[in-house]
Protein backbone atom coordinates (compact mmCIF):
# COMPACT_ATOMS: atom_id res chain seq x y z
CA UNK A 1 72.89 232.56 71.10
CA UNK A 2 76.68 232.82 71.77
CA UNK A 3 76.45 233.80 75.10
CA UNK A 4 73.95 231.26 75.91
CA UNK A 5 76.67 228.63 74.83
CA UNK A 6 79.64 230.64 77.00
CA UNK A 7 77.07 230.66 80.02
CA UNK A 8 76.29 227.31 79.38
CA UNK A 9 80.26 226.46 78.76
CA UNK A 10 80.97 228.29 82.27
CA UNK A 11 78.37 226.72 83.87
CA UNK A 12 80.14 223.22 82.99
CA UNK A 13 83.13 224.11 84.19
CA UNK A 14 81.92 225.27 87.48
CA UNK A 15 80.29 222.23 88.30
CA UNK A 16 83.43 220.38 87.24
CA UNK A 17 85.46 222.31 89.62
CA UNK A 18 83.26 221.62 92.04
CA UNK A 19 83.18 218.06 91.55
CA UNK A 20 86.85 217.92 91.65
CA UNK A 21 86.85 219.96 94.87
CA UNK A 22 85.15 217.02 95.97
CA UNK A 23 86.51 214.60 95.12
CA UNK A 24 89.51 216.17 96.58
CA UNK A 25 88.34 216.69 100.18
CA UNK A 26 87.07 213.38 100.33
CA UNK A 27 90.51 211.99 99.36
CA UNK A 28 92.07 214.60 101.71
CA UNK A 29 89.54 213.30 104.35
CA UNK A 30 90.19 209.82 103.79
CA UNK A 31 93.20 209.49 103.66
CA UNK A 32 93.49 211.91 107.02
CA UNK A 33 90.90 209.94 108.61
CA UNK A 34 92.94 206.32 107.65
CA UNK A 35 96.68 206.90 107.54
CA UNK A 36 97.54 209.92 108.93
CA UNK A 37 95.53 210.39 112.17
CA UNK A 38 96.02 206.59 112.97
CA UNK A 39 99.77 206.80 112.71
CA UNK A 40 100.53 209.83 115.13
CA UNK A 41 97.68 209.43 117.90
CA UNK A 42 98.53 205.37 117.42
CA UNK A 43 94.86 204.11 116.99
CA UNK A 44 94.63 200.66 117.85
CA UNK A 45 98.09 200.53 119.39
CA UNK A 46 98.52 200.10 123.28
CA UNK A 47 100.57 198.71 125.50
CA UNK A 48 99.78 196.73 129.21
CA UNK A 49 100.46 199.11 132.40
CA UNK A 50 103.08 197.32 135.08
CA UNK A 51 102.75 195.77 138.57
CA UNK A 52 105.18 199.18 140.19
CA UNK A 53 103.96 198.96 143.53
CA UNK A 54 106.38 197.36 146.23
CA UNK A 55 109.72 197.99 143.85
CA UNK A 56 111.66 201.41 144.26
CA UNK A 57 111.46 204.34 141.96
CA UNK A 58 114.63 203.17 140.27
CA UNK A 59 112.53 199.84 139.19
CA UNK A 60 109.59 201.63 138.71
CA UNK A 61 111.14 203.82 135.85
CA UNK A 62 112.88 200.93 134.35
CA UNK A 63 109.69 199.29 134.09
CA UNK A 64 108.12 202.09 132.49
CA UNK A 65 110.66 203.06 130.12
CA UNK A 66 110.37 199.11 128.64
CA UNK A 67 106.76 199.92 127.40
CA UNK A 68 107.01 203.12 126.57
CA UNK A 69 105.51 204.83 129.28
CA UNK A 70 105.87 208.31 131.18
CA UNK A 71 106.63 208.67 134.83
CA UNK A 72 105.62 211.26 137.46
CA UNK A 73 106.28 210.62 141.14
CA UNK A 74 104.62 211.50 143.86
CA UNK A 75 105.57 211.71 147.33
CA UNK A 76 103.26 210.51 150.27
CA UNK A 77 104.62 210.42 153.87
CA UNK A 78 103.89 206.69 155.27
CA UNK A 79 105.85 205.38 158.48
CA UNK A 80 104.59 202.39 158.39
CA UNK A 81 105.59 201.08 155.80
CA UNK A 82 109.24 200.73 153.95
CA UNK A 83 110.94 203.72 152.54
CA UNK A 84 111.55 204.55 149.19
CA UNK A 85 108.75 202.05 148.07
CA UNK A 86 105.75 202.47 145.50
CA UNK A 87 102.79 202.30 147.18
CA UNK A 88 100.19 203.15 144.49
CA UNK A 89 99.93 204.15 140.73
CA UNK A 90 97.61 205.23 138.62
CA UNK A 91 96.49 203.94 135.94
CA UNK A 92 96.26 200.45 137.85
CA UNK A 93 98.63 197.14 137.26
CA UNK A 94 97.40 195.67 133.76
CA UNK A 95 95.39 198.44 132.24
CA UNK A 96 95.97 199.16 128.53
CA UNK A 97 96.89 202.62 127.68
CA UNK A 98 98.84 203.83 124.42
CA UNK A 99 102.44 204.23 124.48
CA UNK A 100 103.83 207.06 126.08
CA UNK A 101 100.93 207.94 128.45
CA UNK A 102 101.91 209.32 132.11
CA UNK A 103 102.07 206.90 134.85
CA UNK A 104 101.57 208.70 138.24
CA UNK A 105 103.81 207.07 140.57
CA UNK A 106 103.08 207.02 144.37
CA UNK A 107 106.60 206.30 146.58
CA UNK A 108 106.49 206.55 150.31
CA UNK A 109 109.00 209.01 151.41
CA UNK A 110 108.80 207.37 154.99
CA UNK A 111 109.21 208.78 158.35
CA UNK A 112 112.21 211.24 157.89
CA UNK A 113 111.24 213.23 160.99
CA UNK A 114 113.97 212.41 163.34
CA UNK A 115 114.62 213.46 167.82
CA UNK A 116 117.02 213.37 170.55
CA UNK A 117 116.54 210.55 173.17
CA UNK A 118 116.50 212.82 176.39
CA UNK A 119 118.22 211.18 179.14
CA UNK A 120 115.43 210.00 181.74
CA UNK A 121 117.95 207.82 183.99
CA UNK A 122 116.92 208.73 188.07
CA UNK A 123 113.57 209.85 186.94
CA UNK A 124 110.53 208.30 188.52
CA UNK A 125 109.39 205.50 185.89
CA UNK A 126 105.88 207.29 184.95
CA UNK A 127 107.64 210.65 184.47
CA UNK A 128 109.88 208.95 182.20
CA UNK A 129 107.17 207.99 180.20
CA UNK A 130 106.07 211.20 179.83
CA UNK A 131 108.57 212.60 178.60
CA UNK A 132 109.34 209.51 175.80
CA UNK A 133 105.83 210.51 174.60
CA UNK A 134 106.30 213.99 175.02
CA UNK A 135 109.30 213.76 172.98
CA UNK A 136 107.60 212.23 169.55
CA UNK A 137 108.62 209.00 170.95
CA UNK A 138 107.04 205.54 172.57
CA UNK A 139 107.31 203.24 175.35
CA UNK A 140 109.54 200.02 174.80
CA UNK A 141 109.53 197.04 177.25
CA UNK A 142 109.30 198.80 180.62
CA UNK A 143 111.09 195.93 183.49
CA UNK A 144 112.66 195.42 186.32
CA UNK A 145 116.56 195.93 186.20
CA UNK A 146 118.33 192.45 187.28
CA UNK A 147 120.81 194.66 189.14
CA UNK A 148 119.35 196.51 192.26
CA UNK A 149 119.73 200.48 192.69
CA UNK A 150 118.72 202.54 196.45
CA UNK A 151 115.91 204.73 194.65
CA UNK A 152 112.87 202.11 194.02
CA UNK A 153 110.90 202.57 190.68
CA UNK A 154 113.24 204.97 189.32
CA UNK A 155 115.06 204.20 186.06
CA UNK A 156 118.40 202.87 185.90
CA UNK A 157 118.84 201.99 182.00
CA UNK A 158 117.45 202.96 178.85
CA UNK A 159 117.95 201.83 175.25
CA UNK A 160 118.35 203.62 173.03
CA UNK A 161 120.35 205.80 175.20
CA UNK A 162 120.77 209.92 176.04
CA UNK A 163 121.32 211.78 173.10
CA UNK A 164 120.53 209.53 170.23
CA UNK A 165 118.93 210.61 167.29
CA UNK A 166 116.42 208.26 166.31
CA UNK A 167 113.63 207.83 164.33
CA UNK A 168 110.42 209.75 165.81
CA UNK A 169 107.96 206.86 167.50
CA UNK A 170 110.69 204.82 168.38
CA UNK A 171 110.44 203.02 171.14
CA UNK A 172 112.68 203.18 174.11
CA UNK A 173 112.79 200.20 176.77
CA UNK A 174 113.03 200.97 179.79
CA UNK A 175 115.09 199.08 183.24
CA UNK A 176 113.83 200.17 186.56
CA UNK A 177 115.10 199.81 190.16
CA UNK A 178 113.35 197.63 192.67
CA UNK A 179 115.34 199.15 195.72
CA UNK A 180 118.36 197.38 197.31
CA UNK A 181 119.21 194.31 196.83
CA UNK A 182 119.27 191.61 200.47
CA UNK A 183 122.99 190.59 199.78
CA UNK A 184 125.53 192.27 201.55
CA UNK A 185 128.97 192.99 199.66
CA UNK A 186 132.14 194.65 199.63
CA UNK A 187 132.91 198.18 197.71
CA UNK A 188 136.27 197.24 195.75
CA UNK A 189 138.63 200.22 195.30
CA UNK A 190 138.01 202.06 191.69
CA UNK A 191 140.54 204.84 192.56
CA UNK A 192 143.03 205.35 190.11
CA UNK A 193 140.45 203.80 187.41
CA UNK A 194 138.94 206.48 185.15
CA UNK A 195 134.81 207.06 185.98
CA UNK A 196 134.11 204.43 182.89
CA UNK A 197 136.51 201.77 184.35
CA UNK A 198 135.50 202.41 187.93
CA UNK A 199 131.64 201.83 186.64
CA UNK A 200 132.05 198.85 185.11
CA UNK A 201 133.96 197.62 187.81
CA UNK A 202 131.78 198.44 190.80
CA UNK A 203 128.50 197.02 188.25
CA UNK A 204 130.83 193.78 188.32
CA UNK A 205 129.65 193.45 192.39
CA UNK A 206 126.40 195.31 192.01
CA UNK A 207 126.90 198.69 193.50
CA UNK A 208 126.37 202.00 191.18
CA UNK A 209 127.70 204.84 191.32
CA UNK A 210 127.62 208.67 190.30
CA UNK A 211 130.75 210.37 189.21
CA UNK A 212 130.84 214.21 191.11
CA UNK A 213 133.13 217.32 190.90
CA UNK A 214 134.55 217.33 187.74
CA UNK A 215 134.27 217.14 183.67
CA UNK A 216 138.04 217.17 181.49
CA UNK A 217 137.49 220.13 179.61
CA UNK A 218 138.90 217.93 176.45
CA UNK A 219 136.83 215.20 176.59
CA UNK A 220 139.55 213.14 178.15
CA UNK A 221 138.05 210.40 180.53
CA UNK A 222 138.20 212.17 183.88
CA UNK A 223 140.25 209.48 186.97
CA UNK A 224 138.92 208.86 189.99
CA UNK A 225 140.98 210.52 192.78
CA UNK A 226 138.37 209.54 196.09
CA UNK A 227 135.33 207.46 196.59
CA UNK A 228 132.92 207.29 199.51
CA UNK A 229 132.41 204.89 201.07
CA UNK A 230 135.76 204.20 201.06
CA UNK A 231 137.33 200.74 199.92
CA UNK A 232 136.38 197.50 201.83
CA UNK A 233 132.50 198.98 203.31
CA UNK A 234 130.44 196.14 203.79
CA UNK A 235 127.26 197.60 201.54
CA UNK A 236 123.46 196.20 200.05
CA UNK A 237 123.80 195.41 196.77
CA UNK A 238 122.79 198.28 194.75
CA UNK A 239 124.47 201.24 197.32
CA UNK A 240 125.87 204.10 195.49
CA UNK A 241 129.30 204.55 195.47
CA UNK A 242 130.44 208.50 194.71
CA UNK A 243 133.02 208.62 193.05
CA UNK A 244 135.24 212.33 193.08
CA UNK A 245 137.76 212.90 190.22
CA UNK A 246 141.25 213.78 189.88
CA UNK A 247 141.27 217.64 189.62
CA UNK A 248 142.71 219.14 186.08
CA UNK A 249 145.88 219.66 186.63
CA UNK A 250 146.76 222.13 183.79
């Protein structure tokens, strides 16, 4: 009889223990589900993704920071768009996301490739155009030069000038000769001038020039010692005057 009573009491306490565990477990589940977990995951809290397109990376970072969002930048080269601007984003603008969400921002790295403009003066027009394209440049405006030149259909000027470093696919404008002019002009005296001064003076009379013999080693501007044809000679517009520089005295 006593044994049955003890077993009954033990079973009763066991049932109470199991019931208590169930109650405590249920309370813990409810606490986690409706209090701890929402607080941790910010359930029901959302922010709007701002439109970052067209702005700079710095502006995008500031906008995302105000919305409590993180940023991850991706570089993409789009030569036809401004360098350094945001060209895409994910998620898209106006999306609703949780605070702290990472937003992928694509920034245009631009066309960072640069090339040196070749010297194409005196080349035939077609050859000059081919050389520009071979060097990764575009042919810009091609037009006749207003100042005549003896060598028809050859390049007399270019812009940008030879040796310039520019972005790839930059257009280079070309001027070409249509041959000697019909008007007769008198060759001026350019001896004693620097090569640059002499060139400018001859162009004023619609004459061309070529500097021969010497390039100063120290980078100083060479001085014209002789010219051919001599001053006073009558020639047609566009005639090429040969300039000889004084020898280096050092």
